[in-house]
C-alpha atoms as a PDB file:
ATOM      1  CA  UNK A   1     -12.395   2.645 -55.943  1.00  0.00           C
ATOM      2  CA  UNK A   2     -14.845  -0.186 -56.021  1.00  0.00           C
ATOM      3  CA  UNK A   3     -13.947  -3.660 -54.828  1.00  0.00           C
ATOM      4  CA  UNK A   4     -13.598  -6.164 -57.605  1.00  0.00           C
ATOM      5  CA  UNK A   5     -14.339 -10.051 -57.197  1.00  0.00           C
ATOM      6  CA  UNK A   6     -13.386 -13.103 -59.462  1.00  0.00           C
ATOM      7  CA  UNK A   7     -15.536 -15.785 -58.636  1.00  0.00           C
ATOM      8  CA  UNK A   8     -14.049 -18.354 -61.077  1.00  0.00           C
ATOM      9  CA  UNK A   9     -12.019 -19.077 -64.250  1.00  0.00           C
ATOM     10  CA  UNK A  10     -13.025 -21.257 -67.093  1.00  0.00           C
ATOM     11  CA  UNK A  11     -11.558 -22.512 -70.489  1.00  0.00           C
ATOM     12  CA  UNK A  12     -13.252 -23.805 -73.504  1.00  0.00           C
ATOM     13  CA  UNK A  13     -11.726 -26.136 -76.166  1.00  0.00           C
ATOM     14  CA  UNK A  14     -10.105 -24.233 -78.729  1.00  0.00           C
ATOM     15  CA  UNK A  15      -9.648 -25.571 -82.493  1.00  0.00           C
ATOM     16  CA  UNK A  16     -11.135 -25.748 -85.345  1.00  0.00           C
ATOM     17  CA  UNK A  17     -13.043 -29.106 -86.251  1.00  0.00           C
ATOM     18  CA  UNK A  18     -13.556 -31.057 -89.145  1.00  0.00           C
ATOM     19  CA  UNK A  19     -16.609 -29.979 -91.355  1.00  0.00           C
ATOM     20  CA  UNK A  20     -18.093 -33.429 -90.835  1.00  0.00           C
ATOM     21  CA  UNK A  21     -17.093 -34.229 -87.236  1.00  0.00           C
ATOM     22  CA  UNK A  22     -19.142 -35.025 -84.533  1.00  0.00           C
ATOM     23  CA  UNK A  23     -18.450 -31.537 -82.941  1.00  0.00           C
ATOM     24  CA  UNK A  24     -18.581 -29.340 -85.989  1.00  0.00           C
ATOM     25  CA  UNK A  25     -22.024 -27.907 -84.832  1.00  0.00           C
ATOM     26  CA  UNK A  26     -20.975 -26.331 -81.658  1.00  0.00           C
ATOM     27  CA  UNK A  27     -20.860 -22.851 -81.886  1.00  0.00           C
ATOM     28  CA  UNK A  28     -18.916 -20.355 -80.314  1.00  0.00           C
ATOM     29  CA  UNK A  29     -21.805 -18.960 -78.628  1.00  0.00           C
ATOM     30  CA  UNK A  30     -22.847 -22.260 -77.393  1.00  0.00           C
ATOM     31  CA  UNK A  31     -19.441 -22.671 -75.913  1.00  0.00           C
ATOM     32  CA  UNK A  32     -19.642 -19.319 -74.074  1.00  0.00           C
ATOM     33  CA  UNK A  33     -23.334 -20.105 -72.845  1.00  0.00           C
ATOM     34  CA  UNK A  34     -22.296 -23.265 -71.054  1.00  0.00           C
ATOM     35  CA  UNK A  35     -19.220 -21.405 -69.378  1.00  0.00           C
ATOM     36  CA  UNK A  36     -21.592 -18.729 -67.972  1.00  0.00           C
ATOM     37  CA  UNK A  37     -24.249 -21.457 -66.988  1.00  0.00           C
ATOM     38  CA  UNK A  38     -21.329 -23.249 -65.181  1.00  0.00           C
ATOM     39  CA  UNK A  39     -20.094 -20.429 -63.455  1.00  0.00           C
ATOM     40  CA  UNK A  40     -23.305 -19.583 -62.387  1.00  0.00           C
ATOM     41  CA  UNK A  41     -24.495 -22.916 -61.099  1.00  0.00           C
ATOM     42  CA  UNK A  42     -21.302 -24.130 -59.404  1.00  0.00           C
ATOM     43  CA  UNK A  43     -20.579 -20.680 -57.418  1.00  0.00           C
ATOM     44  CA  UNK A  44     -24.705 -20.444 -56.456  1.00  0.00           C
ATOM     45  CA  UNK A  45     -23.886 -16.919 -58.323  1.00  0.00           C
ATOM     46  CA  UNK A  46     -26.757 -14.079 -58.208  1.00  0.00           C
ATOM     47  CA  UNK A  47     -26.067 -12.795 -61.611  1.00  0.00           C
ATOM     48  CA  UNK A  48     -28.032  -9.580 -60.839  1.00  0.00           C
ATOM     49  CA  UNK A  49     -24.881  -8.507 -58.646  1.00  0.00           C
ATOM     50  CA  UNK A  50     -22.407  -9.112 -61.829  1.00  0.00           C
ATOM     51  CA  UNK A  51     -21.343  -5.828 -63.217  1.00  0.00           C
ATOM     52  CA  UNK A  52     -19.060  -7.065 -66.163  1.00  0.00           C
ATOM     53  CA  UNK A  53     -18.371 -10.205 -67.751  1.00  0.00           C
ATOM     54  CA  UNK A  54     -14.671 -10.245 -69.814  1.00  0.00           C
ATOM     55  CA  UNK A  55     -14.478 -13.034 -72.306  1.00  0.00           C
ATOM     56  CA  UNK A  56     -11.788 -13.508 -74.452  1.00  0.00           C
ATOM     57  CA  UNK A  57     -12.260 -14.574 -78.182  1.00  0.00           C
ATOM     58  CA  UNK A  58      -9.470 -15.010 -80.800  1.00  0.00           C
ATOM     59  CA  UNK A  59     -10.361 -14.153 -84.140  1.00  0.00           C
ATOM     60  CA  UNK A  60     -14.031 -12.768 -83.681  1.00  0.00           C
ATOM     61  CA  UNK A  61     -15.676 -13.259 -86.968  1.00  0.00           C
ATOM     62  CA  UNK A  62     -19.189 -14.453 -88.242  1.00  0.00           C
ATOM     63  CA  UNK A  63     -21.281 -15.282 -85.542  1.00  0.00           C
ATOM     64  CA  UNK A  64     -18.479 -14.226 -83.263  1.00  0.00           C
ATOM     65  CA  UNK A  65     -18.136 -10.575 -84.703  1.00  0.00           C
ATOM     66  CA  UNK A  66     -20.325  -9.159 -82.589  1.00  0.00           C
ATOM     67  CA  UNK A  67     -19.804  -8.754 -78.596  1.00  0.00           C
ATOM     68  CA  UNK A  68     -19.949 -12.546 -77.807  1.00  0.00           C
ATOM     69  CA  UNK A  69     -19.664 -11.706 -74.143  1.00  0.00           C
ATOM     70  CA  UNK A  70     -22.811  -9.562 -73.991  1.00  0.00           C
ATOM     71  CA  UNK A  71     -24.547 -12.268 -76.262  1.00  0.00           C
ATOM     72  CA  UNK A  72     -23.539 -15.117 -74.255  1.00  0.00           C
ATOM     73  CA  UNK A  73     -24.697 -13.246 -70.762  1.00  0.00           C
ATOM     74  CA  UNK A  74     -28.154 -13.314 -72.275  1.00  0.00           C
ATOM     75  CA  UNK A  75     -27.950 -16.592 -74.035  1.00  0.00           C
ATOM     76  CA  UNK A  76     -27.142 -17.995 -70.400  1.00  0.00           C
ATOM     77  CA  UNK A  77     -30.165 -16.389 -68.796  1.00  0.00           C
ATOM     78  CA  UNK A  78     -28.231 -13.762 -66.802  1.00  0.00           C
ATOM     79  CA  UNK A  79     -29.461 -10.474 -65.894  1.00  0.00           C
ATOM     80  CA  UNK A  80     -30.291  -8.274 -68.514  1.00  0.00           C
ATOM     81  CA  UNK A  81     -28.349  -5.583 -66.933  1.00  0.00           C
ATOM     82  CA  UNK A  82     -24.938  -7.540 -66.884  1.00  0.00           C
ATOM     83  CA  UNK A  83     -22.611  -5.930 -69.199  1.00  0.00           C
ATOM     84  CA  UNK A  84     -20.115  -8.241 -71.219  1.00  0.00           C
ATOM     85  CA  UNK A  85     -17.044  -7.185 -72.855  1.00  0.00           C
ATOM     86  CA  UNK A  86     -14.963  -9.074 -75.363  1.00  0.00           C
ATOM     87  CA  UNK A  87     -11.161  -9.308 -75.276  1.00  0.00           C
ATOM     88  CA  UNK A  88      -9.287  -9.799 -78.660  1.00  0.00           C
ATOM     89  CA  UNK A  89      -5.792 -10.746 -78.090  1.00  0.00           C
ATOM     90  CA  UNK A  90      -3.808 -13.982 -79.326  1.00  0.00           C
ATOM     91  CA  UNK A  91      -2.094 -16.256 -77.386  1.00  0.00           C
ATOM     92  CA  UNK A  92      -3.526 -16.599 -73.967  1.00  0.00           C
ATOM     93  CA  UNK A  93      -6.269 -14.320 -74.335  1.00  0.00           C
ATOM     94  CA  UNK A  94      -8.596 -15.719 -72.078  1.00  0.00           C
ATOM     95  CA  UNK A  95      -6.039 -15.830 -69.275  1.00  0.00           C
ATOM     96  CA  UNK A  96      -5.253 -12.219 -68.758  1.00  0.00           C
END
């Protein structure tokens, strides 16, 4: 069995903003990208050595309907060989 390492865990805010609120234009992809950029930067992480990114996403519809983990990996400038998997579970989906 190969070794597994968890460098860090990060949560983003959740909830739906008002249609005319100041944060209404922030997308799920933008939040996920910010998380991956922060993980890379604060851990001085060589993303070419990361095999998988696992991201919890409740109610993946619309722009989140595709594999947001893989899309965020690419959006954050991580290695194109890093896989991403989305976990869709309600109630603490990103904590398991």
